[in-house]
N, C-alpha and C. Protein backbone atom coordinates (compact mmCIF):
# COMPACT_ATOMS: atom_id res chain seq x y z
N MET A 1 -31.31 11.32 -32.69
CA MET A 1 -31.50 10.58 -31.43
C MET A 1 -30.21 10.63 -30.62
N TRP A 2 -30.32 10.88 -29.33
CA TRP A 2 -29.17 10.92 -28.43
C TRP A 2 -28.88 9.50 -27.94
N LEU A 3 -27.62 9.12 -28.05
CA LEU A 3 -27.22 7.80 -27.58
C LEU A 3 -26.16 7.94 -26.51
N PHE A 4 -26.34 7.22 -25.40
CA PHE A 4 -25.38 7.24 -24.30
C PHE A 4 -24.91 5.82 -24.06
N PRO A 5 -23.62 5.64 -23.77
CA PRO A 5 -23.10 4.29 -23.52
C PRO A 5 -23.87 3.62 -22.40
N PHE A 6 -24.19 2.33 -22.59
CA PHE A 6 -24.83 1.50 -21.59
C PHE A 6 -26.23 2.00 -21.24
N CYS A 7 -26.83 2.82 -22.06
CA CYS A 7 -28.19 3.33 -21.79
C CYS A 7 -29.06 3.06 -23.01
N SER A 8 -30.34 2.92 -22.78
CA SER A 8 -31.28 2.78 -23.88
C SER A 8 -31.46 4.13 -24.56
N PRO A 9 -31.77 4.14 -25.87
CA PRO A 9 -32.00 5.42 -26.56
C PRO A 9 -33.13 6.19 -25.91
N LEU A 10 -32.95 7.49 -25.84
CA LEU A 10 -33.97 8.34 -25.26
C LEU A 10 -35.03 8.67 -26.31
N PRO A 11 -36.30 8.73 -25.95
CA PRO A 11 -37.34 9.10 -26.91
C PRO A 11 -37.15 10.54 -27.40
N PHE A 12 -37.65 10.82 -28.63
CA PHE A 12 -37.49 12.16 -29.18
C PHE A 12 -38.17 13.22 -28.32
N SER A 13 -39.18 12.84 -27.57
CA SER A 13 -39.94 13.84 -26.82
C SER A 13 -39.21 14.33 -25.58
N ARG A 14 -38.09 13.67 -25.23
CA ARG A 14 -37.37 14.08 -24.04
C ARG A 14 -36.05 14.72 -24.41
N LYS A 15 -35.66 15.72 -23.62
CA LYS A 15 -34.37 16.36 -23.84
C LYS A 15 -33.29 15.50 -23.18
N PRO A 16 -32.08 15.51 -23.76
CA PRO A 16 -30.99 14.75 -23.14
C PRO A 16 -30.66 15.34 -21.77
N PRO A 17 -30.25 14.50 -20.81
CA PRO A 17 -29.92 15.02 -19.49
C PRO A 17 -28.71 15.93 -19.54
N MET A 18 -28.71 16.94 -18.70
CA MET A 18 -27.59 17.86 -18.63
C MET A 18 -26.45 17.19 -17.86
N ILE A 19 -25.25 17.19 -18.45
CA ILE A 19 -24.08 16.62 -17.80
C ILE A 19 -23.44 17.69 -16.93
N THR A 20 -23.36 17.44 -15.64
CA THR A 20 -22.77 18.40 -14.70
C THR A 20 -21.68 17.71 -13.92
N ALA A 21 -20.93 18.50 -13.14
CA ALA A 21 -19.90 17.93 -12.28
C ALA A 21 -20.51 16.94 -11.30
N ARG A 22 -21.74 17.22 -10.85
CA ARG A 22 -22.37 16.33 -9.88
C ARG A 22 -22.71 14.98 -10.51
N THR A 23 -23.23 14.99 -11.74
CA THR A 23 -23.60 13.73 -12.37
C THR A 23 -22.37 12.93 -12.79
N LEU A 24 -21.26 13.60 -13.07
CA LEU A 24 -20.05 12.90 -13.43
C LEU A 24 -19.37 12.27 -12.22
N HIS A 25 -19.59 12.82 -11.04
CA HIS A 25 -18.90 12.35 -9.85
C HIS A 25 -19.60 11.12 -9.29
N LYS A 26 -19.28 9.99 -9.88
CA LYS A 26 -19.84 8.73 -9.44
C LYS A 26 -18.73 7.89 -8.82
N PRO A 27 -19.05 7.07 -7.83
CA PRO A 27 -18.02 6.23 -7.21
C PRO A 27 -17.28 5.41 -8.25
N GLY A 28 -15.96 5.44 -8.15
CA GLY A 28 -15.14 4.66 -9.08
C GLY A 28 -14.73 5.43 -10.32
N LEU A 29 -15.38 6.56 -10.61
CA LEU A 29 -15.05 7.32 -11.82
C LEU A 29 -13.96 8.34 -11.53
N LEU A 30 -14.17 9.15 -10.50
CA LEU A 30 -13.19 10.17 -10.15
C LEU A 30 -12.53 9.88 -8.80
N ASP A 31 -13.08 8.96 -8.02
CA ASP A 31 -12.56 8.71 -6.68
C ASP A 31 -11.26 7.90 -6.70
N ASP A 32 -10.97 7.20 -7.76
CA ASP A 32 -9.81 6.31 -7.81
C ASP A 32 -9.07 6.51 -9.12
N PRO A 33 -8.38 7.66 -9.27
CA PRO A 33 -7.82 8.03 -10.57
C PRO A 33 -6.46 7.44 -10.88
N GLY A 34 -5.93 6.56 -10.04
CA GLY A 34 -4.61 6.00 -10.30
C GLY A 34 -4.61 5.06 -11.50
N THR A 35 -3.47 4.46 -11.77
CA THR A 35 -3.32 3.56 -12.90
C THR A 35 -3.16 2.12 -12.42
N ARG A 36 -3.68 1.20 -13.20
CA ARG A 36 -3.55 -0.22 -12.87
C ARG A 36 -2.09 -0.64 -13.03
N PRO A 37 -1.52 -1.33 -12.03
CA PRO A 37 -0.12 -1.76 -12.17
C PRO A 37 0.03 -2.77 -13.30
N VAL A 38 1.22 -2.81 -13.89
CA VAL A 38 1.51 -3.74 -14.96
C VAL A 38 1.92 -5.09 -14.36
N CYS A 39 1.18 -6.14 -14.69
CA CYS A 39 1.45 -7.48 -14.17
C CYS A 39 1.72 -8.42 -15.34
N VAL A 40 2.81 -9.16 -15.27
CA VAL A 40 3.14 -10.11 -16.33
C VAL A 40 3.62 -11.41 -15.69
N ARG A 41 3.48 -12.50 -16.43
CA ARG A 41 3.96 -13.79 -15.97
C ARG A 41 5.17 -14.18 -16.84
N LEU A 42 6.33 -14.33 -16.19
CA LEU A 42 7.56 -14.63 -16.89
C LEU A 42 8.11 -15.97 -16.42
N SER A 43 8.87 -16.61 -17.30
CA SER A 43 9.40 -17.94 -16.98
C SER A 43 10.69 -17.87 -16.17
N GLU A 44 11.42 -16.75 -16.26
CA GLU A 44 12.69 -16.63 -15.55
C GLU A 44 12.46 -16.52 -14.04
N PRO A 45 13.40 -16.98 -13.23
CA PRO A 45 13.29 -16.80 -11.77
C PRO A 45 13.23 -15.32 -11.41
N PHE A 46 12.49 -15.01 -10.35
CA PHE A 46 12.30 -13.62 -9.94
C PHE A 46 13.65 -12.94 -9.68
N GLU A 47 14.55 -13.64 -9.00
CA GLU A 47 15.86 -13.06 -8.68
C GLU A 47 16.62 -12.66 -9.95
N GLU A 48 16.49 -13.46 -10.99
CA GLU A 48 17.17 -13.16 -12.25
C GLU A 48 16.55 -11.95 -12.93
N ILE A 49 15.23 -11.84 -12.87
CA ILE A 49 14.54 -10.68 -13.46
C ILE A 49 14.96 -9.40 -12.76
N VAL A 50 15.04 -9.45 -11.44
CA VAL A 50 15.44 -8.27 -10.68
C VAL A 50 16.88 -7.89 -11.01
N ALA A 51 17.77 -8.88 -11.06
CA ALA A 51 19.18 -8.61 -11.35
C ALA A 51 19.38 -7.99 -12.73
N ASN A 52 18.56 -8.41 -13.69
CA ASN A 52 18.70 -7.90 -15.07
C ASN A 52 17.98 -6.58 -15.29
N ASN A 53 17.18 -6.16 -14.33
CA ASN A 53 16.42 -4.90 -14.46
C ASN A 53 16.51 -4.08 -13.18
N PRO A 54 17.71 -3.64 -12.82
CA PRO A 54 17.89 -2.95 -11.53
C PRO A 54 17.17 -1.61 -11.44
N GLU A 55 16.80 -1.06 -12.58
CA GLU A 55 16.13 0.26 -12.56
C GLU A 55 14.64 0.13 -12.20
N TRP A 56 14.10 -1.09 -12.19
CA TRP A 56 12.68 -1.30 -11.91
C TRP A 56 12.48 -1.75 -10.47
N LYS A 57 11.39 -1.26 -9.87
CA LYS A 57 10.97 -1.80 -8.58
C LYS A 57 9.87 -2.82 -8.86
N MET A 58 10.03 -4.02 -8.33
CA MET A 58 9.10 -5.10 -8.65
C MET A 58 8.62 -5.81 -7.40
N GLU A 59 7.44 -6.40 -7.51
CA GLU A 59 6.90 -7.32 -6.52
C GLU A 59 6.41 -8.56 -7.26
N ARG A 60 6.06 -9.60 -6.50
CA ARG A 60 5.49 -10.79 -7.11
C ARG A 60 4.24 -11.20 -6.34
N THR A 61 3.18 -11.51 -7.07
CA THR A 61 1.94 -11.90 -6.41
C THR A 61 2.02 -13.36 -5.97
N ALA A 62 1.04 -13.76 -5.17
CA ALA A 62 0.98 -15.15 -4.72
C ALA A 62 0.78 -16.10 -5.90
N ASP A 63 0.22 -15.60 -7.01
CA ASP A 63 0.00 -16.41 -8.20
C ASP A 63 1.21 -16.46 -9.12
N GLY A 64 2.28 -15.76 -8.77
CA GLY A 64 3.50 -15.80 -9.57
C GLY A 64 3.63 -14.71 -10.60
N GLU A 65 2.69 -13.76 -10.65
CA GLU A 65 2.81 -12.65 -11.60
C GLU A 65 3.79 -11.60 -11.07
N ILE A 66 4.59 -11.05 -11.99
CA ILE A 66 5.51 -9.98 -11.64
C ILE A 66 4.78 -8.64 -11.76
N VAL A 67 4.84 -7.84 -10.71
CA VAL A 67 4.18 -6.54 -10.69
C VAL A 67 5.26 -5.46 -10.81
N PHE A 68 5.18 -4.68 -11.87
CA PHE A 68 6.13 -3.58 -12.08
C PHE A 68 5.55 -2.32 -11.43
N MET A 69 6.29 -1.78 -10.48
CA MET A 69 5.82 -0.62 -9.72
C MET A 69 6.33 0.66 -10.36
N PRO A 70 5.44 1.60 -10.72
CA PRO A 70 5.91 2.86 -11.31
C PRO A 70 6.65 3.70 -10.28
N PRO A 71 7.64 4.47 -10.71
CA PRO A 71 8.35 5.34 -9.75
C PRO A 71 7.42 6.41 -9.21
N THR A 72 7.66 6.81 -7.97
CA THR A 72 6.85 7.84 -7.35
C THR A 72 7.41 9.23 -7.66
N GLY A 73 6.58 10.24 -7.49
CA GLY A 73 7.01 11.62 -7.70
C GLY A 73 7.70 12.19 -6.47
N GLY A 74 8.12 13.42 -6.59
CA GLY A 74 8.86 14.07 -5.51
C GLY A 74 8.09 14.21 -4.22
N GLU A 75 6.81 14.59 -4.33
CA GLU A 75 6.01 14.79 -3.12
C GLU A 75 5.82 13.47 -2.37
N SER A 76 5.60 12.39 -3.10
CA SER A 76 5.47 11.08 -2.45
C SER A 76 6.78 10.68 -1.79
N GLY A 77 7.89 11.01 -2.43
CA GLY A 77 9.19 10.73 -1.83
C GLY A 77 9.39 11.45 -0.52
N ILE A 78 8.96 12.70 -0.45
CA ILE A 78 9.07 13.48 0.79
C ILE A 78 8.20 12.85 1.88
N ARG A 79 6.97 12.48 1.53
CA ARG A 79 6.07 11.87 2.52
C ARG A 79 6.63 10.54 3.02
N ASN A 80 7.13 9.74 2.09
CA ASN A 80 7.67 8.44 2.48
C ASN A 80 8.88 8.59 3.39
N SER A 81 9.72 9.56 3.09
CA SER A 81 10.89 9.82 3.92
C SER A 81 10.48 10.24 5.32
N GLU A 82 9.44 11.05 5.42
CA GLU A 82 8.95 11.50 6.74
C GLU A 82 8.46 10.31 7.56
N ILE A 83 7.75 9.39 6.91
CA ILE A 83 7.27 8.20 7.62
C ILE A 83 8.44 7.35 8.08
N ALA A 84 9.42 7.16 7.21
CA ALA A 84 10.57 6.32 7.54
C ALA A 84 11.36 6.92 8.72
N VAL A 85 11.51 8.22 8.73
CA VAL A 85 12.26 8.88 9.82
C VAL A 85 11.53 8.68 11.15
N GLN A 86 10.23 8.96 11.16
CA GLN A 86 9.49 8.83 12.42
C GLN A 86 9.50 7.40 12.94
N LEU A 87 9.27 6.43 12.05
CA LEU A 87 9.26 5.04 12.47
C LEU A 87 10.65 4.58 12.89
N GLY A 88 11.67 5.02 12.16
CA GLY A 88 13.03 4.62 12.47
C GLY A 88 13.51 5.14 13.81
N VAL A 89 13.20 6.40 14.12
CA VAL A 89 13.60 6.97 15.41
C VAL A 89 12.94 6.22 16.56
N TRP A 90 11.66 5.92 16.41
CA TRP A 90 10.97 5.15 17.45
C TRP A 90 11.56 3.75 17.59
N ALA A 91 11.85 3.10 16.46
CA ALA A 91 12.32 1.71 16.48
C ALA A 91 13.67 1.56 17.18
N ARG A 92 14.48 2.62 17.19
CA ARG A 92 15.78 2.54 17.86
C ARG A 92 15.64 2.22 19.34
N ASN A 93 14.55 2.63 19.93
CA ASN A 93 14.34 2.43 21.37
C ASN A 93 13.38 1.29 21.66
N THR A 94 13.16 0.41 20.68
CA THR A 94 12.26 -0.72 20.88
C THR A 94 13.01 -2.02 20.63
N GLU A 95 12.40 -3.10 21.02
CA GLU A 95 12.95 -4.41 20.72
C GLU A 95 12.40 -4.88 19.37
N GLY A 96 12.88 -4.19 18.34
CA GLY A 96 12.41 -4.49 17.00
C GLY A 96 13.20 -3.71 15.97
N PHE A 97 12.86 -3.92 14.69
CA PHE A 97 13.61 -3.31 13.61
C PHE A 97 12.64 -2.71 12.59
N ALA A 98 12.98 -1.50 12.11
CA ALA A 98 12.19 -0.83 11.08
C ALA A 98 12.84 -1.07 9.72
N PHE A 99 12.00 -1.15 8.68
CA PHE A 99 12.47 -1.40 7.33
C PHE A 99 11.87 -0.36 6.39
N ASP A 100 12.64 0.00 5.35
CA ASP A 100 12.12 0.96 4.39
C ASP A 100 11.50 0.23 3.19
N SER A 101 11.15 0.99 2.17
CA SER A 101 10.39 0.43 1.05
C SER A 101 11.22 -0.43 0.12
N SER A 102 12.53 -0.50 0.34
CA SER A 102 13.38 -1.31 -0.54
C SER A 102 13.42 -2.78 -0.13
N THR A 103 12.84 -3.12 1.03
CA THR A 103 12.89 -4.50 1.52
C THR A 103 11.72 -5.32 0.99
N LEU A 104 12.04 -6.45 0.36
CA LEU A 104 11.03 -7.38 -0.12
C LEU A 104 10.87 -8.51 0.88
N PHE A 105 9.65 -8.73 1.34
CA PHE A 105 9.37 -9.82 2.26
C PHE A 105 8.70 -10.96 1.51
N ARG A 106 9.14 -12.18 1.82
CA ARG A 106 8.51 -13.37 1.25
C ARG A 106 7.39 -13.79 2.21
N LEU A 107 6.15 -13.50 1.82
CA LEU A 107 5.01 -13.73 2.70
C LEU A 107 4.64 -15.21 2.71
N PRO A 108 3.89 -15.64 3.73
CA PRO A 108 3.51 -17.06 3.82
C PRO A 108 2.74 -17.59 2.62
N ASN A 109 2.03 -16.71 1.88
CA ASN A 109 1.27 -17.17 0.70
C ASN A 109 2.13 -17.24 -0.56
N GLY A 110 3.43 -16.94 -0.43
CA GLY A 110 4.34 -17.01 -1.57
C GLY A 110 4.58 -15.69 -2.26
N ALA A 111 3.81 -14.66 -1.93
CA ALA A 111 4.00 -13.34 -2.54
C ALA A 111 5.28 -12.69 -2.03
N LEU A 112 5.85 -11.84 -2.86
CA LEU A 112 6.98 -11.00 -2.46
C LEU A 112 6.50 -9.56 -2.48
N ARG A 113 6.44 -8.95 -1.30
CA ARG A 113 5.88 -7.61 -1.17
C ARG A 113 6.86 -6.68 -0.45
N SER A 114 6.82 -5.41 -0.86
CA SER A 114 7.68 -4.39 -0.25
C SER A 114 6.83 -3.24 0.25
N PRO A 115 6.33 -3.30 1.47
CA PRO A 115 5.55 -2.18 2.02
C PRO A 115 6.41 -0.93 2.08
N ASP A 116 5.77 0.23 2.11
CA ASP A 116 6.52 1.48 2.13
C ASP A 116 7.29 1.66 3.43
N ALA A 117 6.80 1.08 4.50
CA ALA A 117 7.52 1.06 5.78
C ALA A 117 6.99 -0.13 6.56
N SER A 118 7.83 -0.69 7.43
CA SER A 118 7.40 -1.85 8.19
C SER A 118 8.25 -1.99 9.45
N TRP A 119 7.77 -2.84 10.34
CA TRP A 119 8.48 -3.09 11.61
C TRP A 119 8.26 -4.54 12.02
N ILE A 120 9.33 -5.16 12.54
CA ILE A 120 9.27 -6.54 13.01
C ILE A 120 9.88 -6.61 14.41
N ALA A 121 9.20 -7.30 15.31
CA ALA A 121 9.71 -7.49 16.66
C ALA A 121 11.01 -8.30 16.64
N SER A 122 11.91 -7.97 17.56
CA SER A 122 13.24 -8.58 17.59
C SER A 122 13.20 -10.09 17.69
N ASP A 123 12.35 -10.62 18.56
CA ASP A 123 12.35 -12.06 18.78
C ASP A 123 11.97 -12.82 17.52
N ARG A 124 11.05 -12.27 16.71
CA ARG A 124 10.67 -12.91 15.47
C ARG A 124 11.78 -12.78 14.43
N TRP A 125 12.40 -11.61 14.36
CA TRP A 125 13.48 -11.39 13.38
C TRP A 125 14.68 -12.30 13.66
N GLN A 126 15.00 -12.47 14.94
CA GLN A 126 16.15 -13.28 15.30
C GLN A 126 15.92 -14.76 15.06
N GLN A 127 14.69 -15.18 14.87
CA GLN A 127 14.41 -16.58 14.56
C GLN A 127 14.84 -16.95 13.15
N LEU A 128 15.02 -15.94 12.29
CA LEU A 128 15.50 -16.20 10.93
C LEU A 128 17.00 -16.45 10.95
N SER A 129 17.46 -17.26 10.01
CA SER A 129 18.90 -17.49 9.90
C SER A 129 19.57 -16.26 9.31
N ALA A 130 20.89 -16.19 9.44
CA ALA A 130 21.64 -15.06 8.88
C ALA A 130 21.44 -14.99 7.37
N GLU A 131 21.39 -16.13 6.72
CA GLU A 131 21.18 -16.15 5.27
C GLU A 131 19.79 -15.64 4.90
N GLU A 132 18.77 -16.03 5.66
CA GLU A 132 17.41 -15.57 5.39
C GLU A 132 17.28 -14.06 5.59
N ARG A 133 17.99 -13.54 6.56
CA ARG A 133 17.92 -12.09 6.81
C ARG A 133 18.61 -11.29 5.71
N GLU A 134 19.56 -11.91 5.00
CA GLU A 134 20.30 -11.22 3.94
C GLU A 134 19.57 -11.25 2.61
N THR A 135 18.61 -12.16 2.44
CA THR A 135 17.90 -12.26 1.17
C THR A 135 16.52 -11.62 1.32
N TYR A 136 15.50 -12.21 0.68
CA TYR A 136 14.13 -11.74 0.87
C TYR A 136 13.59 -12.44 2.12
N PRO A 137 13.51 -11.75 3.24
CA PRO A 137 13.19 -12.43 4.50
C PRO A 137 11.85 -13.17 4.41
N PRO A 138 11.83 -14.46 4.73
CA PRO A 138 10.58 -15.23 4.69
C PRO A 138 9.77 -15.01 5.97
N ILE A 139 9.17 -13.84 6.05
CA ILE A 139 8.45 -13.46 7.26
C ILE A 139 7.45 -12.36 6.92
N ALA A 140 6.30 -12.38 7.59
CA ALA A 140 5.35 -11.28 7.47
C ALA A 140 5.63 -10.27 8.58
N PRO A 141 5.82 -9.01 8.26
CA PRO A 141 6.08 -8.03 9.32
C PRO A 141 4.95 -7.97 10.34
N ASP A 142 5.28 -7.48 11.52
CA ASP A 142 4.23 -7.23 12.52
C ASP A 142 3.39 -6.03 12.14
N PHE A 143 4.00 -5.06 11.46
CA PHE A 143 3.35 -3.79 11.14
C PHE A 143 3.81 -3.33 9.77
N VAL A 144 2.86 -2.82 8.97
CA VAL A 144 3.20 -2.30 7.64
C VAL A 144 2.48 -0.97 7.41
N ILE A 145 3.09 -0.15 6.57
CA ILE A 145 2.47 1.09 6.09
C ILE A 145 2.53 1.07 4.57
N GLU A 146 1.41 1.39 3.94
CA GLU A 146 1.38 1.67 2.51
C GLU A 146 0.94 3.12 2.34
N LEU A 147 1.72 3.88 1.58
CA LEU A 147 1.43 5.29 1.32
C LEU A 147 0.94 5.43 -0.11
N ARG A 148 -0.26 5.92 -0.28
CA ARG A 148 -0.79 6.09 -1.63
C ARG A 148 -0.09 7.22 -2.35
N SER A 149 0.39 6.93 -3.56
CA SER A 149 0.97 7.96 -4.41
C SER A 149 -0.04 8.30 -5.51
N LYS A 150 0.31 9.28 -6.32
CA LYS A 150 -0.63 9.75 -7.33
C LYS A 150 -0.95 8.69 -8.38
N THR A 151 -0.04 7.75 -8.58
CA THR A 151 -0.25 6.72 -9.59
C THR A 151 -0.96 5.49 -9.03
N ASP A 152 -1.19 5.43 -7.72
CA ASP A 152 -1.80 4.25 -7.09
C ASP A 152 -3.32 4.29 -7.15
N ARG A 153 -3.93 3.19 -7.51
CA ARG A 153 -5.37 3.05 -7.35
C ARG A 153 -5.65 2.59 -5.93
N LEU A 154 -6.62 3.23 -5.31
CA LEU A 154 -6.93 2.91 -3.92
C LEU A 154 -7.35 1.45 -3.78
N ILE A 155 -8.11 0.94 -4.73
CA ILE A 155 -8.60 -0.43 -4.62
C ILE A 155 -7.45 -1.43 -4.64
N ASP A 156 -6.39 -1.16 -5.40
CA ASP A 156 -5.24 -2.06 -5.43
C ASP A 156 -4.54 -2.08 -4.07
N LEU A 157 -4.41 -0.93 -3.45
CA LEU A 157 -3.78 -0.87 -2.13
C LEU A 157 -4.64 -1.55 -1.07
N GLN A 158 -5.96 -1.42 -1.19
CA GLN A 158 -6.85 -2.08 -0.25
C GLN A 158 -6.72 -3.60 -0.35
N HIS A 159 -6.62 -4.12 -1.57
CA HIS A 159 -6.43 -5.55 -1.75
C HIS A 159 -5.09 -5.99 -1.15
N LYS A 160 -4.09 -5.13 -1.30
CA LYS A 160 -2.77 -5.44 -0.75
C LYS A 160 -2.82 -5.49 0.78
N MET A 161 -3.54 -4.57 1.38
CA MET A 161 -3.66 -4.56 2.84
C MET A 161 -4.39 -5.80 3.32
N LYS A 162 -5.41 -6.22 2.60
CA LYS A 162 -6.12 -7.44 2.98
C LYS A 162 -5.19 -8.65 2.88
N GLU A 163 -4.33 -8.66 1.88
CA GLU A 163 -3.37 -9.75 1.75
C GLU A 163 -2.44 -9.77 2.96
N TYR A 164 -1.98 -8.60 3.39
CA TYR A 164 -1.12 -8.55 4.58
C TYR A 164 -1.84 -9.18 5.78
N CYS A 165 -3.09 -8.81 5.98
CA CYS A 165 -3.84 -9.36 7.11
C CYS A 165 -4.00 -10.87 6.97
N ASP A 166 -4.27 -11.35 5.77
CA ASP A 166 -4.40 -12.78 5.54
C ASP A 166 -3.10 -13.52 5.85
N CYS A 167 -1.99 -12.81 5.75
CA CYS A 167 -0.67 -13.39 6.05
C CYS A 167 -0.24 -13.10 7.49
N HIS A 168 -1.19 -12.66 8.32
CA HIS A 168 -1.00 -12.48 9.76
C HIS A 168 -0.14 -11.28 10.14
N VAL A 169 -0.11 -10.26 9.30
CA VAL A 169 0.44 -8.97 9.73
C VAL A 169 -0.51 -8.41 10.79
N ARG A 170 0.04 -8.03 11.93
CA ARG A 170 -0.81 -7.65 13.07
C ARG A 170 -1.50 -6.30 12.88
N LEU A 171 -0.84 -5.38 12.20
CA LEU A 171 -1.39 -4.03 12.06
C LEU A 171 -0.92 -3.43 10.74
N GLY A 172 -1.83 -2.76 10.03
CA GLY A 172 -1.47 -2.08 8.80
C GLY A 172 -2.16 -0.74 8.69
N TRP A 173 -1.42 0.25 8.21
CA TRP A 173 -1.99 1.58 7.97
C TRP A 173 -1.84 1.90 6.48
N LEU A 174 -2.95 2.14 5.83
CA LEU A 174 -2.96 2.63 4.45
C LEU A 174 -3.22 4.12 4.52
N ILE A 175 -2.21 4.90 4.16
CA ILE A 175 -2.29 6.36 4.30
C ILE A 175 -2.58 6.98 2.94
N ASP A 176 -3.67 7.73 2.86
CA ASP A 176 -4.08 8.39 1.63
C ASP A 176 -3.95 9.90 1.83
N PRO A 177 -2.85 10.51 1.36
CA PRO A 177 -2.67 11.95 1.57
C PRO A 177 -3.59 12.82 0.73
N PHE A 178 -4.21 12.24 -0.30
CA PHE A 178 -5.08 13.02 -1.18
C PHE A 178 -6.48 13.19 -0.56
N LEU A 179 -6.99 12.12 0.04
CA LEU A 179 -8.27 12.19 0.75
C LEU A 179 -8.08 12.49 2.22
N LYS A 180 -6.82 12.57 2.66
CA LYS A 180 -6.48 12.81 4.07
C LYS A 180 -7.16 11.77 4.97
N GLN A 181 -6.93 10.53 4.62
CA GLN A 181 -7.52 9.42 5.36
C GLN A 181 -6.44 8.40 5.73
N VAL A 182 -6.71 7.67 6.81
CA VAL A 182 -5.90 6.52 7.18
C VAL A 182 -6.83 5.32 7.31
N HIS A 183 -6.57 4.28 6.54
CA HIS A 183 -7.32 3.03 6.64
C HIS A 183 -6.55 2.12 7.59
N VAL A 184 -7.18 1.71 8.66
CA VAL A 184 -6.52 0.91 9.69
C VAL A 184 -6.97 -0.54 9.56
N TYR A 185 -5.99 -1.44 9.42
CA TYR A 185 -6.27 -2.87 9.30
C TYR A 185 -5.61 -3.60 10.47
N SER A 186 -6.32 -4.54 11.05
CA SER A 186 -5.76 -5.34 12.14
C SER A 186 -6.36 -6.73 12.10
N LEU A 187 -5.72 -7.66 12.81
CA LEU A 187 -6.20 -9.03 12.84
C LEU A 187 -7.44 -9.19 13.70
N SER A 188 -7.57 -8.31 14.70
CA SER A 188 -8.63 -8.50 15.69
C SER A 188 -9.92 -7.76 15.37
N GLU A 189 -9.85 -6.76 14.46
CA GLU A 189 -11.02 -5.94 14.19
C GLU A 189 -11.20 -5.72 12.70
N ALA A 190 -12.41 -5.33 12.31
CA ALA A 190 -12.66 -4.95 10.92
C ALA A 190 -11.92 -3.64 10.62
N SER A 191 -11.58 -3.44 9.36
CA SER A 191 -10.87 -2.22 8.98
C SER A 191 -11.74 -0.99 9.21
N VAL A 192 -11.10 0.10 9.58
CA VAL A 192 -11.80 1.36 9.81
C VAL A 192 -11.06 2.46 9.05
N ILE A 193 -11.78 3.54 8.76
CA ILE A 193 -11.20 4.69 8.06
C ILE A 193 -11.24 5.90 8.99
N LEU A 194 -10.08 6.50 9.20
CA LEU A 194 -9.97 7.72 10.00
C LEU A 194 -9.90 8.90 9.05
N ASN A 195 -10.80 9.86 9.22
CA ASN A 195 -10.84 11.03 8.35
C ASN A 195 -10.09 12.20 8.97
N GLU A 196 -9.09 12.68 8.24
CA GLU A 196 -8.27 13.82 8.63
C GLU A 196 -7.73 13.71 10.06
N PRO A 197 -7.15 12.59 10.43
CA PRO A 197 -6.55 12.51 11.77
C PRO A 197 -5.26 13.32 11.81
N LYS A 198 -4.94 13.86 12.96
CA LYS A 198 -3.69 14.59 13.13
C LYS A 198 -2.52 13.63 13.38
N SER A 199 -2.84 12.46 13.92
CA SER A 199 -1.85 11.43 14.17
C SER A 199 -2.56 10.09 14.24
N VAL A 200 -1.78 9.02 14.24
CA VAL A 200 -2.36 7.68 14.34
C VAL A 200 -1.41 6.84 15.18
N ALA A 201 -1.98 5.97 16.02
CA ALA A 201 -1.17 5.18 16.94
C ALA A 201 -1.90 3.88 17.26
N ASP A 202 -1.15 2.94 17.84
CA ASP A 202 -1.74 1.68 18.31
C ASP A 202 -0.84 1.15 19.43
N GLU A 203 -1.26 1.31 20.66
CA GLU A 203 -0.44 0.94 21.81
C GLU A 203 -0.26 -0.57 21.94
N MET A 204 -1.17 -1.36 21.40
CA MET A 204 -1.06 -2.80 21.52
C MET A 204 0.11 -3.34 20.69
N VAL A 205 0.26 -2.84 19.47
CA VAL A 205 1.31 -3.33 18.57
C VAL A 205 2.55 -2.44 18.61
N LEU A 206 2.35 -1.12 18.72
CA LEU A 206 3.45 -0.16 18.64
C LEU A 206 3.46 0.73 19.88
N PRO A 207 3.78 0.18 21.05
CA PRO A 207 3.73 0.98 22.28
C PRO A 207 4.67 2.18 22.23
N GLY A 208 4.10 3.35 22.48
CA GLY A 208 4.90 4.58 22.51
C GLY A 208 5.08 5.26 21.17
N PHE A 209 4.54 4.68 20.10
CA PHE A 209 4.71 5.28 18.78
C PHE A 209 3.43 5.97 18.33
N SER A 210 3.59 7.20 17.87
CA SER A 210 2.47 7.95 17.28
C SER A 210 3.00 8.62 16.02
N LEU A 211 2.38 8.32 14.90
CA LEU A 211 2.80 8.90 13.62
C LEU A 211 2.13 10.25 13.44
N ASP A 212 2.92 11.30 13.44
CA ASP A 212 2.44 12.66 13.22
C ASP A 212 2.18 12.83 11.72
N LEU A 213 0.94 13.15 11.37
CA LEU A 213 0.55 13.23 9.97
C LEU A 213 0.55 14.65 9.41
N SER A 214 0.97 15.63 10.19
CA SER A 214 0.91 17.03 9.75
C SER A 214 1.73 17.27 8.48
N ARG A 215 2.93 16.73 8.40
CA ARG A 215 3.76 16.90 7.21
C ARG A 215 3.27 16.05 6.05
N ILE A 216 2.67 14.92 6.36
CA ILE A 216 2.23 13.99 5.32
C ILE A 216 0.97 14.49 4.65
N PHE A 217 0.11 15.14 5.41
CA PHE A 217 -1.16 15.65 4.87
C PHE A 217 -1.06 17.10 4.42
N SER A 218 0.08 17.76 4.64
CA SER A 218 0.19 19.18 4.30
C SER A 218 0.35 19.34 2.77
């Protein structure tokens, strides 16, 4: 008798179904091949954990769990650098500041998150004290980018983008170089997915900025 997980036994009179690439390709099986991040709850203060483990990149959830972020590969590093350069060059001529992936923001819900790239308008940034700007800034960016790497599960990044919106981030782009998609999140509209766009822009939040995706999707 042929037995399949989560299925009733097949009668002897029937042949077992043929397993093909088409039958294996089910949503959630091959579409999201990343790894689940490691989350732990520790008693030590977050700042102490970071200081004692400088080789790790970490975030903290709103529930207080420490999220250990796996290092990215070379190709992801190249893509991230390209995004940072484009955003940084544009930000020089705006009334705002661009941040790279090393900056941890203390969000209104208590989470500590480090988007791959972000931007904050000058007037909001200047409202923080000098001490607040030197630590984990207690502010939600106006704009964030998350770049999917090979180790990232898409569903985890989607949850992260929703958290940004819940914390009043005005605009977020989740860039998936493997599916060549950009997931656009905003406060005013439902999220949308752009398939194989050559560039992405938003004049309301980022006037004059257009992210060229040719190098990121190549």
